[in-house]
Structure formats: structure tokens, C-alpha cells
Amino acid sequence: MENKWMRAAVPALLIHCSIGTVYCWSLLKGGIAEYIGRPLPEVEWAFSLAIFCLGMSAAFAGKIVEKDIHKASLIAAVCFASGMAGTGFFIQQKSLIGIFLTYGVLMGIGCGIGYLSPVKTLMLWFKDNKGLATGIAVAGFGLAKVIASPIIQTLLGATNADGTMVDPTRLYKLFYILAVAYFIMMFIGHLLLKKPADWVEVTTKTEGGHTLDIFKNRTFIGIWVMFYLNITCGLALISQEKDLLHFIGFGAIATISSLTAIFNASGRLAFSAFGDRLKDRNTIYIWIFGLSIAGTAITLLANGVNNAIAPLIILLLCVINAGYGGGFSSLPPLLADRFGMNTISTVHGLALSAWAFAGLSGNQLSAFIIAKTGSYNNILYAILAMYAVAFFISAFLLRAKPDEKRRHPVHH
């Protein structure tokens, strides 16, 4: 039992494969809006709120996770499962405010603390392969959509010709079933999670600090902005995935949804593991932004959306998903290289506040552009500009000094 797989990798996967189901929102939002009788744009705020609470809870829970991963992982399991069950209850009651509080706030908090809990433990057990370690866990977050999507479709049952559910009551029952399943998975992960016996926590402040003072650090600010832009761009396109495929007349949406989720998960593993081989891990972000810019620019040049070039659109969705996932998994080891391991949970948590604000701006940005212009090309122009700024930050402002390129944790 006392090895890196049972004490770090397996519990991280159990926790992340559960909380990553938050990304199945696109499969649920239409049914929720229809059942409770509210417009879809209003219901959409539940997902934005969930991502905001995810990022902010991670930002403020860093110290708790640093002190006690067991308490943190248990809080995550309780919040996420009760949020899931509560969402089912408030769908049944047709209460949008209730859905905001349960899916948005409670599940969001569970996601944030759950996301953060296993990361430092993984990097301590896999100290020579930090990128691979965080890639394994964060890939679980991406894989959750692949695993859960067909299960959700099955539990929702048959649909009518117009896409509405034959049995609408199956919608809220689905949330009750998932709540129980995910609580069991996360609780087992909570029981297994344990730091290496030779690691002793340091209570004194180290470089990077424990507080919001880190927002005065230029390197941290650069990483924060770069990370924010990558998530905003990713969410802007990913949130429109289903509608975009409909627009070009492509039918096999469930298949493409699974394919893009596989790329999302693979990007999390591949980019961060490749980062272990580089002198400066920041180079991974140059690759991510370069590929994302290339994919977006080629699609625009070919007018792929309006010409309904399905292979090009699918390729773009796969590239953006891979870079989106890789940005998440490469973040903790990059921060560990720049700021050391002692306060990594705190620093990583504060960096995840970028996710909170991107959660508010990403899908709302694309929804706004579609509402005002009706053009998917305009979404692509917007994300192309943001990727260009992120590329500039990564390539020119975050180049590591020789002494910053690799830091190994000191065991006390």
C-alpha cells in the first residue's frame, strides 16, 4: 500500500474523475432549462458560477490543503456529492436559485478543493517526474467527461424527435444516482491519499509567501495572465462545441464530444510529461499557444465554419482541447520550478483564481458574440487575438533565468 501509485496516483484519479463531471454541463443544460421553464442563457450561469467558485475556493483553500490533505479531500467529497444531490432536488422543485447554490456554489467549492488536494502529494511521490504526476491526475479531470457522457446519455433515456426527453423526471433522478456514485469514489480517494513518510511540512514562509503578496511578483502575474487567457479561449470554444457542430451540419455530436474529451485528457498527460524533459518548463506553453494559434488561423483562412469543412472544425476542437488540458497539468510543476515545493498548494491555489475569472468570461464571451453577431468566425478572431497575447507573455516575459529552470524539493 505504501507506494506512489496507491497513495497518490489512484486517489488522485478517483477524486479528479469525479469532479471533472462538471464539464458534462453541455449535455444537461438544455434539459434543465426545459424542465424548470427558464431561458437557456439564465440557466447557463450555473456553470459559470461553478467554475468561478472552483477557482476561488482553490485560491482560498491552499493553506487548508497544505496543513491537512485528509480534511481537505473529505470536505471536497461532501461538498461535491451534496451539491450534485441538491441540484437534482432543486431541478425537481424548478428552482433556478437553488440550482445556482448547489451546482454553482456547492459543487464548485467541492471541485476547487478536490482539484487541489492530491496535486502536492503527487509531486512529492513523483519528485523526478512532476509533470507526469500532475498529468495523470489532471487527465482524470479531462477523462471524466469521456467516462460520464455515455452514462449520462443512458440515464437520461430516449428523446423525442424535437430533442426533448421522453421521461423528463429522469433528469433529476440522474443527479441523485451520480451523487451517490461520486461520493463513494471520492471517499475511497480520501482514505488512500497520503504524503510520503519522509516529507515534513515547513511552517516558515518561503519565497512566494503564503499570502496575496505573491500578486506583486512579476513572474507569478505573468503565469496568472497566461493561464487565464488559455482557459478563457478554451472555454469560449468548448462551450460552443455542440452548437458549432450543429451549425456545420455534422451529426455525430456524441462521438466528437468523446473524441475532444480524449484530446483534452491526452493533452493534460502528454504536454506536462514532455515538460519534464525540458530545461525550462515554460517552453511547453509556447508550444500550446503556437499550436492553438496555427489551428485557429488555418480554420479562419479556409473559412472552415461557413464552408462546413467538418474535418478542419473537428481538428481545431481537438487542438484547442489538448492545449486547454495541457495548460492545467503543466501549471503546478511550472510553479514548483519557479517558487519551490514548500508552499506549492498555496501558490497553485492562488494561480487557480485565474480559472475563476475565466469561468465567468469564457463561455459568456462566446455567447455574447453569437447573440450580437451570429458569427462563429468572430469567436475565432477573438480567441486568436488572446492566444497571441498569451504567446507573447510566455515567449518573452516568462523566460527562466538559469537558476530558476529547475528546483528540486528539499526534504527536511
Protein backbone atom coordinates (compact mmCIF):
# COMPACT_ATOMS: atom_id res chain seq x y z
CA MET A 1 0.00 0.00 0.00
CA GLU A 2 2.81 2.44 0.80
CA ASN A 3 3.77 3.31 -2.76
CA LYS A 4 3.30 6.25 -5.12
CA TRP A 5 0.51 4.57 -7.09
CA MET A 6 -1.74 3.63 -4.16
CA ARG A 7 -1.04 6.74 -2.07
CA ALA A 8 -1.01 9.36 -4.84
CA ALA A 9 -1.96 8.32 -8.39
CA VAL A 10 -5.04 6.14 -7.66
CA PRO A 11 -6.66 8.53 -5.13
CA ALA A 12 -5.94 11.50 -7.41
CA LEU A 13 -7.68 9.73 -10.32
CA LEU A 14 -10.68 8.77 -8.14
CA ILE A 15 -11.12 12.37 -7.00
CA HIS A 16 -10.46 14.06 -10.36
CA CYS A 17 -12.56 11.58 -12.39
CA SER A 18 -15.47 12.53 -10.11
CA ILE A 19 -15.19 16.31 -10.03
CA GLY A 20 -14.38 16.52 -13.77
CA THR A 21 -18.03 15.65 -14.48
CA VAL A 22 -18.72 19.37 -14.08
CA TYR A 23 -17.68 19.54 -17.79
CA CYS A 24 -20.71 17.42 -18.80
CA TRP A 25 -22.80 20.58 -18.36
CA SER A 26 -23.46 20.92 -22.12
CA LEU A 27 -25.32 17.58 -22.04
CA LEU A 28 -27.56 18.74 -19.19
CA LYS A 29 -28.24 22.45 -19.62
CA GLY A 30 -30.93 22.13 -22.32
CA GLY A 31 -32.90 19.57 -20.34
CA ILE A 32 -32.66 21.66 -17.16
CA ALA A 33 -33.85 24.83 -18.92
CA GLU A 34 -36.75 22.95 -20.47
CA TYR A 35 -37.78 21.19 -17.24
CA ILE A 36 -37.73 24.27 -14.99
CA GLY A 37 -39.17 26.53 -17.72
CA ARG A 38 -36.39 29.13 -17.77
CA PRO A 39 -34.40 30.58 -20.74
CA LEU A 40 -31.13 28.80 -21.51
CA PRO A 41 -28.93 31.94 -21.07
CA GLU A 42 -30.19 32.23 -17.46
CA VAL A 43 -29.52 28.55 -16.74
CA GLU A 44 -26.01 28.87 -18.28
CA TRP A 45 -24.94 30.96 -15.27
CA ALA A 46 -24.95 27.82 -13.10
CA PHE A 47 -21.88 26.53 -14.98
CA SER A 48 -20.14 29.93 -14.93
CA LEU A 49 -20.77 30.14 -11.20
CA ALA A 50 -19.43 26.60 -10.68
CA ILE A 51 -16.14 27.43 -12.42
CA PHE A 52 -15.88 30.74 -10.54
CA CYS A 53 -16.42 29.03 -7.17
CA LEU A 54 -13.99 26.27 -8.21
CA GLY A 55 -11.20 28.79 -8.80
CA MET A 56 -11.91 30.96 -5.77
CA SER A 57 -12.26 28.03 -3.35
CA ALA A 58 -8.93 26.66 -4.63
CA ALA A 59 -7.38 30.11 -4.12
CA PHE A 60 -8.53 30.35 -0.52
CA ALA A 61 -8.22 26.66 0.43
CA GLY A 62 -4.49 26.42 -0.33
CA LYS A 63 -3.50 26.76 3.33
CA ILE A 64 -6.05 24.14 4.46
CA VAL A 65 -4.78 21.68 1.85
CA GLU A 66 -1.17 22.46 2.85
CA LYS A 67 -1.91 21.64 6.50
CA ASP A 68 -4.25 18.66 6.16
CA ILE A 69 -4.93 16.88 2.86
CA HIS A 70 -7.28 14.42 4.59
CA LYS A 71 -9.57 17.12 5.92
CA ALA A 72 -9.44 18.88 2.55
CA SER A 73 -10.26 15.76 0.49
CA LEU A 74 -13.19 14.89 2.82
CA ILE A 75 -14.62 18.43 2.58
CA ALA A 76 -14.34 18.12 -1.21
CA ALA A 77 -16.24 14.80 -1.28
CA VAL A 78 -19.05 16.09 0.96
CA CYS A 79 -19.45 19.40 -0.91
CA PHE A 80 -19.37 17.87 -4.39
CA ALA A 81 -21.76 14.99 -3.66
CA SER A 82 -24.22 17.12 -1.66
CA GLY A 83 -24.09 19.76 -4.43
CA MET A 84 -24.88 17.09 -7.02
CA ALA A 85 -27.81 15.71 -4.98
CA GLY A 86 -29.00 19.26 -4.21
CA THR A 87 -29.04 20.09 -7.92
CA GLY A 88 -31.35 17.14 -8.51
CA PHE A 89 -33.63 18.31 -5.69
CA PHE A 90 -33.84 21.90 -6.99
CA ILE A 91 -34.45 20.76 -10.57
CA GLN A 92 -37.36 18.76 -9.14
CA GLN A 93 -38.54 21.93 -7.33
CA LYS A 94 -37.96 24.01 -10.52
CA SER A 95 -35.82 26.49 -8.57
CA LEU A 96 -33.11 28.26 -10.58
CA ILE A 97 -31.69 29.97 -7.47
CA GLY A 98 -31.41 26.55 -5.81
CA ILE A 99 -29.52 25.21 -8.84
CA PHE A 100 -27.16 28.20 -8.68
CA LEU A 101 -26.45 27.49 -5.00
CA THR A 102 -25.98 23.71 -5.41
CA TYR A 103 -24.48 23.19 -8.89
CA GLY A 104 -22.82 26.62 -8.91
CA VAL A 105 -21.60 27.25 -5.36
CA LEU A 106 -21.55 23.91 -3.50
CA MET A 107 -20.31 21.72 -6.37
CA GLY A 108 -17.91 24.48 -7.38
CA ILE A 109 -16.34 24.51 -3.88
CA GLY A 110 -16.11 20.70 -3.93
CA CYS A 111 -14.40 20.87 -7.32
CA GLY A 112 -11.89 23.52 -6.23
CA ILE A 113 -10.77 21.83 -3.02
CA GLY A 114 -10.87 18.39 -4.65
CA TYR A 115 -8.79 19.61 -7.59
CA LEU A 116 -6.09 20.99 -5.31
CA SER A 117 -5.98 18.21 -2.68
CA PRO A 118 -3.93 15.49 -4.47
CA VAL A 119 -1.57 17.70 -6.51
CA LYS A 120 1.22 18.37 -4.00
CA THR A 121 1.09 14.77 -2.79
CA LEU A 122 1.60 13.59 -6.37
CA MET A 123 4.60 15.87 -6.93
CA LEU A 124 6.17 14.67 -3.65
CA TRP A 125 5.84 10.98 -4.57
CA PHE A 126 6.92 11.55 -8.21
CA LYS A 127 9.60 14.14 -7.41
CA ASP A 128 11.66 13.43 -10.56
CA ASN A 129 8.61 13.34 -12.85
CA LYS A 130 6.37 16.10 -11.51
CA GLY A 131 4.81 16.80 -14.90
CA LEU A 132 3.89 13.14 -15.45
CA ALA A 133 2.38 13.02 -11.95
CA THR A 134 0.19 16.08 -12.32
CA GLY A 135 -0.66 14.94 -15.85
CA ILE A 136 -2.04 11.65 -14.50
CA ALA A 137 -4.34 13.41 -12.03
CA VAL A 138 -5.45 16.25 -14.23
CA ALA A 139 -6.01 13.80 -17.11
CA GLY A 140 -8.57 12.20 -14.81
CA PHE A 141 -10.37 15.54 -14.70
CA GLY A 142 -10.50 15.57 -18.51
CA LEU A 143 -11.37 11.86 -18.81
CA ALA A 144 -14.37 12.32 -16.53
CA LYS A 145 -16.33 13.70 -19.49
CA VAL A 146 -15.42 10.69 -21.67
CA ILE A 147 -16.49 8.25 -18.96
CA ALA A 148 -19.59 10.11 -17.76
CA SER A 149 -21.05 11.28 -21.11
CA PRO A 150 -22.37 7.87 -22.29
CA ILE A 151 -23.56 7.05 -18.74
CA ILE A 152 -25.47 10.36 -18.56
CA GLN A 153 -26.98 9.80 -22.02
CA THR A 154 -28.12 6.32 -20.96
CA LEU A 155 -29.60 7.53 -17.66
CA LEU A 156 -31.43 10.39 -19.40
CA GLY A 157 -33.12 7.84 -21.69
CA ALA A 158 -34.77 8.28 -25.07
CA THR A 159 -35.55 11.64 -26.66
CA ASN A 160 -38.41 12.76 -28.89
CA ALA A 161 -37.94 13.89 -32.49
CA ASP A 162 -37.53 17.52 -31.35
CA GLY A 163 -34.75 16.54 -28.90
CA THR A 164 -36.88 16.78 -25.72
CA MET A 165 -36.77 13.96 -23.17
CA VAL A 166 -39.43 11.22 -23.30
CA ASP A 167 -39.34 10.99 -19.47
CA PRO A 168 -38.26 14.38 -18.03
CA THR A 169 -38.23 13.03 -14.43
CA ARG A 170 -35.11 11.03 -15.31
CA LEU A 171 -33.20 14.33 -15.33
CA TYR A 172 -33.28 14.97 -11.58
CA LYS A 173 -33.04 11.25 -10.74
CA LEU A 174 -29.75 11.23 -12.69
CA PHE A 175 -28.24 13.73 -10.22
CA TYR A 176 -29.22 11.56 -7.22
CA ILE A 177 -27.57 8.48 -8.76
CA LEU A 178 -24.37 10.36 -9.66
CA ALA A 179 -24.18 11.96 -6.19
CA VAL A 180 -24.01 8.53 -4.52
CA ALA A 181 -21.52 7.11 -7.06
CA TYR A 182 -19.17 10.08 -6.85
CA PHE A 183 -19.27 10.27 -3.06
CA ILE A 184 -18.13 6.63 -2.87
CA MET A 185 -15.30 7.25 -5.36
CA MET A 186 -14.11 10.44 -3.66
CA PHE A 187 -14.35 8.93 -0.18
CA ILE A 188 -12.14 5.98 -1.21
CA GLY A 189 -9.69 8.51 -2.71
CA HIS A 190 -9.78 10.46 0.56
CA LEU A 191 -8.91 7.32 2.56
CA LEU A 192 -5.99 6.36 0.29
CA LEU A 193 -4.37 9.81 -0.12
CA LYS A 194 -1.16 10.16 1.92
CA LYS A 195 2.08 12.15 1.66
CA PRO A 196 5.45 10.29 1.66
CA ALA A 197 6.73 9.37 5.13
CA ASP A 198 10.00 11.28 4.60
CA TRP A 199 8.30 14.60 3.86
CA VAL A 200 7.94 17.06 6.74
CA GLU A 201 5.93 20.24 6.19
CA VAL A 202 7.79 23.51 6.68
CA THR A 203 5.84 26.11 8.65
CA THR A 204 8.07 29.12 7.92
CA LYS A 205 7.42 31.39 4.94
CA THR A 206 9.45 30.69 1.83
CA GLU A 207 9.90 32.61 -1.39
CA GLY A 208 6.50 33.17 -2.94
CA GLY A 209 4.95 33.53 0.51
CA HIS A 210 1.68 32.29 1.90
CA THR A 211 -0.42 35.35 1.17
CA LEU A 212 -1.73 37.58 -1.60
CA ASP A 213 1.74 39.24 -1.62
CA ILE A 214 2.62 36.86 -4.44
CA PHE A 215 0.46 39.00 -6.75
CA LYS A 216 3.30 41.56 -6.54
CA ASN A 217 5.66 39.01 -8.12
CA ARG A 218 6.07 39.70 -11.87
CA THR A 219 6.69 36.05 -12.74
CA PHE A 220 3.54 34.97 -10.92
CA ILE A 221 1.46 37.72 -12.56
CA GLY A 222 2.74 36.62 -16.00
CA ILE A 223 1.84 32.98 -15.30
CA TRP A 224 -1.59 34.03 -13.95
CA VAL A 225 -2.46 36.12 -17.05
CA MET A 226 -1.15 33.46 -19.45
CA PHE A 227 -3.17 30.76 -17.66
CA TYR A 228 -6.29 32.98 -17.60
CA LEU A 229 -6.11 33.61 -21.35
CA ASN A 230 -5.66 29.91 -22.17
CA ILE A 231 -8.75 28.95 -20.14
CA THR A 232 -10.86 31.82 -21.49
CA CYS A 233 -10.04 30.82 -25.08
CA GLY A 234 -10.63 27.15 -24.36
CA LEU A 235 -13.99 27.71 -22.67
CA ALA A 236 -15.11 30.14 -25.38
CA LEU A 237 -14.80 27.39 -27.99
CA ILE A 238 -15.54 24.28 -25.89
CA SER A 239 -18.83 25.78 -24.64
CA GLN A 240 -19.94 26.21 -28.28
CA GLU A 241 -18.77 22.76 -29.42
CA LYS A 242 -22.21 21.16 -29.74
CA ASP A 243 -23.81 24.23 -31.40
CA LEU A 244 -20.87 24.69 -33.78
CA LEU A 245 -21.13 21.08 -34.99
CA HIS A 246 -24.89 21.55 -35.44
CA PHE A 247 -24.21 24.73 -37.44
CA ILE A 248 -21.95 22.97 -39.97
CA GLY A 249 -24.49 20.13 -40.23
CA PHE A 250 -22.37 17.45 -38.55
CA GLY A 251 -24.49 14.71 -36.96
CA ALA A 252 -22.28 12.50 -34.76
CA ILE A 253 -22.02 15.04 -31.93
CA ALA A 254 -21.72 12.50 -29.09
CA THR A 255 -18.80 10.81 -30.88
CA ILE A 256 -16.97 14.13 -31.40
CA SER A 257 -17.70 15.13 -27.79
CA SER A 258 -15.93 11.97 -26.62
CA LEU A 259 -13.09 12.50 -29.11
CA THR A 260 -12.41 16.07 -27.98
CA ALA A 261 -12.57 14.95 -24.34
CA ILE A 262 -9.93 12.29 -25.11
CA PHE A 263 -7.71 15.01 -26.64
CA ASN A 264 -8.37 17.17 -23.56
CA ALA A 265 -7.22 14.32 -21.29
CA SER A 266 -4.31 13.31 -23.55
CA GLY A 267 -3.08 16.92 -23.69
CA ARG A 268 -3.04 17.01 -19.90
CA LEU A 269 -0.81 13.95 -19.77
CA ALA A 270 1.37 14.48 -22.86
CA PHE A 271 2.22 18.19 -22.51
CA SER A 272 3.09 18.01 -18.79
CA ALA A 273 5.09 14.75 -19.14
CA PHE A 274 7.02 16.28 -22.07
CA GLY A 275 7.72 19.28 -19.82
CA ASP A 276 9.77 17.00 -17.53
CA ARG A 277 12.30 16.65 -20.37
CA LEU A 278 12.73 20.38 -20.97
CA LYS A 279 15.24 22.70 -19.33
CA ASP A 280 12.56 25.35 -18.93
CA ARG A 281 9.02 24.01 -18.46
CA ASN A 282 7.58 27.31 -19.67
CA THR A 283 8.53 26.18 -23.22
CA ILE A 284 5.50 23.84 -23.08
CA TYR A 285 3.21 26.89 -23.05
CA ILE A 286 4.96 28.30 -26.14
CA TRP A 287 4.09 25.03 -27.90
CA ILE A 288 0.49 25.08 -26.62
CA PHE A 289 -0.15 28.65 -27.78
CA GLY A 290 1.71 28.17 -31.07
CA LEU A 291 -0.40 25.12 -31.99
CA SER A 292 -3.63 26.85 -30.89
CA ILE A 293 -2.82 29.94 -32.99
CA ALA A 294 -1.99 27.75 -36.01
CA GLY A 295 -5.22 25.73 -35.73
CA THR A 296 -7.39 28.83 -35.34
CA ALA A 297 -5.67 30.77 -38.14
CA ILE A 298 -5.91 27.87 -40.63
CA THR A 299 -9.64 27.48 -39.88
CA LEU A 300 -10.22 31.20 -40.45
CA LEU A 301 -8.15 31.29 -43.66
CA ALA A 302 -10.11 28.36 -45.09
CA ASN A 303 -13.39 29.85 -43.78
CA GLY A 304 -13.92 26.37 -42.36
CA VAL A 305 -17.05 27.24 -40.41
CA ASN A 306 -19.08 28.78 -43.22
CA ASN A 307 -17.74 26.29 -45.76
CA ALA A 308 -18.72 23.48 -43.37
CA ILE A 309 -15.29 21.80 -43.59
CA ALA A 310 -16.03 19.26 -40.86
CA PRO A 311 -12.54 17.66 -40.64
CA LEU A 312 -11.00 21.12 -40.12
CA ILE A 313 -13.50 22.08 -37.40
CA ILE A 314 -13.00 18.74 -35.62
CA LEU A 315 -9.21 19.15 -35.83
CA LEU A 316 -9.49 22.67 -34.38
CA LEU A 317 -11.65 21.43 -31.49
CA CYS A 318 -9.12 18.64 -30.78
CA VAL A 319 -6.12 21.03 -30.83
CA ILE A 320 -7.82 23.60 -28.58
CA ASN A 321 -8.95 20.87 -26.15
CA ALA A 322 -5.44 19.38 -25.96
CA GLY A 323 -3.87 22.80 -25.27
CA TYR A 324 -6.58 23.66 -22.76
CA GLY A 325 -5.91 20.46 -20.82
CA GLY A 326 -2.12 20.74 -21.13
CA GLY A 327 -2.25 24.26 -19.68
CA PHE A 328 -3.84 22.90 -16.50
CA SER A 329 -1.47 19.97 -15.94
CA SER A 330 1.69 21.98 -16.70
CA LEU A 331 0.81 24.71 -14.19
CA PRO A 332 1.70 23.02 -10.83
CA PRO A 333 5.16 21.79 -11.93
CA LEU A 334 5.93 25.19 -13.55
CA LEU A 335 5.01 26.92 -10.26
CA ALA A 336 7.07 24.36 -8.31
CA ASP A 337 10.08 25.09 -10.55
CA ARG A 338 9.73 28.85 -10.05
CA PHE A 339 8.65 29.03 -6.38
CA GLY A 340 9.76 25.74 -4.77
CA MET A 341 7.70 22.91 -3.24
CA ASN A 342 7.15 24.12 0.33
CA THR A 343 4.12 26.33 -0.37
CA ILE A 344 3.06 24.85 -3.71
CA SER A 345 -0.55 24.16 -2.64
CA THR A 346 -0.97 27.81 -1.63
CA VAL A 347 0.72 29.22 -4.74
CA HIS A 348 -1.14 26.78 -7.04
CA GLY A 349 -4.43 27.63 -5.34
CA LEU A 350 -3.89 31.37 -5.87
CA ALA A 351 -2.98 30.75 -9.52
CA LEU A 352 -6.25 28.84 -9.95
CA SER A 353 -8.13 32.07 -9.19
CA ALA A 354 -7.44 32.76 -12.89
CA TRP A 355 -9.73 29.80 -13.61
CA ALA A 356 -12.46 31.50 -11.55
CA PHE A 357 -12.45 34.67 -13.66
CA ALA A 358 -12.04 32.72 -16.91
CA GLY A 359 -15.10 30.70 -15.89
CA LEU A 360 -17.10 33.92 -15.89
CA SER A 361 -15.63 35.31 -19.10
CA GLY A 362 -15.04 32.28 -21.36
CA ASN A 363 -18.43 30.85 -22.28
CA GLN A 364 -20.15 34.20 -21.65
CA LEU A 365 -17.80 35.83 -24.20
CA SER A 366 -18.73 33.39 -26.96
CA ALA A 367 -22.43 33.51 -26.02
CA PHE A 368 -22.27 37.33 -26.26
CA ILE A 369 -20.53 37.23 -29.67
CA ILE A 370 -23.10 34.76 -31.04
CA ALA A 371 -26.00 36.81 -29.66
CA LYS A 372 -24.67 40.06 -31.16
CA THR A 373 -23.19 38.91 -34.48
CA GLY A 374 -24.37 35.33 -35.05
CA SER A 375 -20.88 34.53 -36.36
CA TYR A 376 -18.66 31.70 -35.13
CA ASN A 377 -15.78 33.26 -37.11
CA ASN A 378 -15.92 36.26 -34.76
CA ILE A 379 -15.35 33.90 -31.81
CA LEU A 380 -12.28 32.55 -33.62
CA TYR A 381 -10.94 36.08 -34.25
CA ALA A 382 -11.37 36.89 -30.54
CA ILE A 383 -9.57 33.78 -29.30
CA LEU A 384 -6.81 34.22 -31.94
CA ALA A 385 -6.04 37.67 -30.50
CA MET A 386 -5.99 36.34 -26.92
CA TYR A 387 -3.77 33.38 -27.83
CA ALA A 388 -1.34 35.85 -29.47
CA VAL A 389 -1.09 37.85 -26.21
CA ALA A 390 -0.57 34.64 -24.20
CA PHE A 391 2.15 33.52 -26.65
CA PHE A 392 3.94 36.86 -26.24
CA ILE A 393 3.85 36.59 -22.42
CA SER A 394 5.16 33.03 -22.46
CA ALA A 395 7.85 33.57 -25.10
CA PHE A 396 9.23 36.92 -23.93
CA LEU A 397 8.20 37.69 -20.34
CA LEU A 398 8.43 34.27 -18.64
CA ARG A 399 11.78 33.05 -19.90
CA ALA A 400 13.51 31.48 -16.91
CA LYS A 401 16.80 32.73 -15.52
CA PRO A 402 19.37 29.91 -15.37
CA ASP A 403 18.89 29.41 -11.61
CA GLU A 404 15.10 29.22 -11.98
CA LYS A 405 14.91 26.48 -14.58
CA ARG A 406 14.70 23.55 -12.18
CA ARG A 407 14.29 23.44 -8.44
CA HIS A 408 14.12 20.17 -6.60
CA PRO A 409 12.29 19.92 -3.26
CA VAL A 410 14.49 19.90 -0.20
CA HIS A 411 13.45 17.24 2.31
CA HIS A 412 13.61 18.48 5.88
